[in-house]
Amino acid sequence: MGVSLRDYTALESSPSDSIRRSHVLAASVLSLEQAIARQDISLARPRIRELALQYATLVNTGAVDMGD
């Protein structure tokens, strides 16, 4: 997942609620990656799906500079 050993060690020594938030975030990212890979937005967690669709709308309307 691209986490350095230092960050991983800090995560493991964090209070359990920090670990839970990190796990939820990781699951959210992975669900979005799977949705993209399989071209099925329903695979993304509901809140992540909503945010991804809102972001896509911004990109499609030109409201986000994609650095081209």
Protein backbone atom coordinates (compact mmCIF):
# COMPACT_ATOMS: atom_id res chain seq x y z
CA MET A 1 0.00 0.00 0.00
CA GLY A 2 3.01 2.28 -0.21
CA VAL A 3 3.46 2.77 3.55
CA SER A 4 6.98 3.24 4.86
CA LEU A 5 8.28 1.05 7.66
CA ARG A 6 8.38 4.07 9.98
CA ASP A 7 4.74 4.93 9.22
CA TYR A 8 3.68 1.30 9.59
CA THR A 9 5.43 1.05 12.97
CA ALA A 10 3.76 4.29 14.13
CA LEU A 11 0.40 2.97 12.97
CA GLU A 12 0.84 -0.30 14.83
CA SER A 13 1.73 1.53 18.04
CA SER A 14 -1.20 3.96 17.73
CA PRO A 15 -4.37 3.72 19.81
CA SER A 16 -6.89 1.23 18.38
CA ASP A 17 -9.28 3.95 17.10
CA SER A 18 -6.44 5.34 14.94
CA ILE A 19 -5.89 1.89 13.49
CA ARG A 20 -9.60 1.53 12.79
CA ARG A 21 -9.67 4.85 10.91
CA SER A 22 -6.62 3.79 8.93
CA HIS A 23 -8.22 0.46 8.06
CA VAL A 24 -11.42 2.16 6.93
CA LEU A 25 -9.42 4.56 4.77
CA ALA A 26 -7.40 1.71 3.27
CA ALA A 27 -10.57 -0.27 2.55
CA SER A 28 -12.10 2.79 0.91
CA VAL A 29 -9.11 3.31 -1.36
CA LEU A 30 -8.97 -0.37 -2.28
CA SER A 31 -12.69 -0.43 -3.06
CA LEU A 32 -12.26 2.54 -5.41
CA GLU A 33 -9.26 0.89 -7.07
CA GLN A 34 -11.29 -2.28 -7.64
CA ALA A 35 -14.22 -0.28 -9.00
CA ILE A 36 -11.90 1.42 -11.48
CA ALA A 37 -10.08 -1.80 -12.43
CA ARG A 38 -13.33 -3.66 -13.04
CA GLN A 39 -15.15 -0.62 -14.43
CA ASP A 40 -17.96 -1.12 -11.91
CA ILE A 41 -18.56 1.88 -9.64
CA SER A 42 -20.89 -0.20 -7.47
CA LEU A 43 -17.78 -1.91 -6.04
CA ALA A 44 -16.70 1.31 -4.33
CA ARG A 45 -17.88 2.00 -0.79
CA PRO A 46 -20.94 4.31 -0.88
CA ARG A 47 -19.25 7.48 0.46
CA ILE A 48 -16.19 6.98 -1.73
CA ARG A 49 -18.45 6.36 -4.74
CA GLU A 50 -20.29 9.60 -4.03
CA LEU A 51 -17.05 11.59 -3.73
CA ALA A 52 -15.56 9.99 -6.85
CA LEU A 53 -18.65 10.86 -8.88
CA GLN A 54 -18.62 14.44 -7.57
CA TYR A 55 -14.95 14.73 -8.49
CA ALA A 56 -15.59 13.30 -11.95
CA THR A 57 -18.28 15.92 -12.46
CA LEU A 58 -15.82 18.67 -11.52
CA VAL A 59 -13.24 17.27 -13.95
CA ASN A 60 -15.80 16.96 -16.75
CA THR A 61 -16.99 20.55 -16.29
CA GLY A 62 -13.43 21.87 -16.31
CA ALA A 63 -13.61 23.05 -12.68
CA VAL A 64 -10.49 21.00 -11.85
CA ASP A 65 -7.17 21.72 -13.54
CA MET A 66 -5.73 18.34 -14.50
CA GLY A 67 -2.31 19.85 -15.22
CA ASP A 68 -2.43 19.34 -18.98
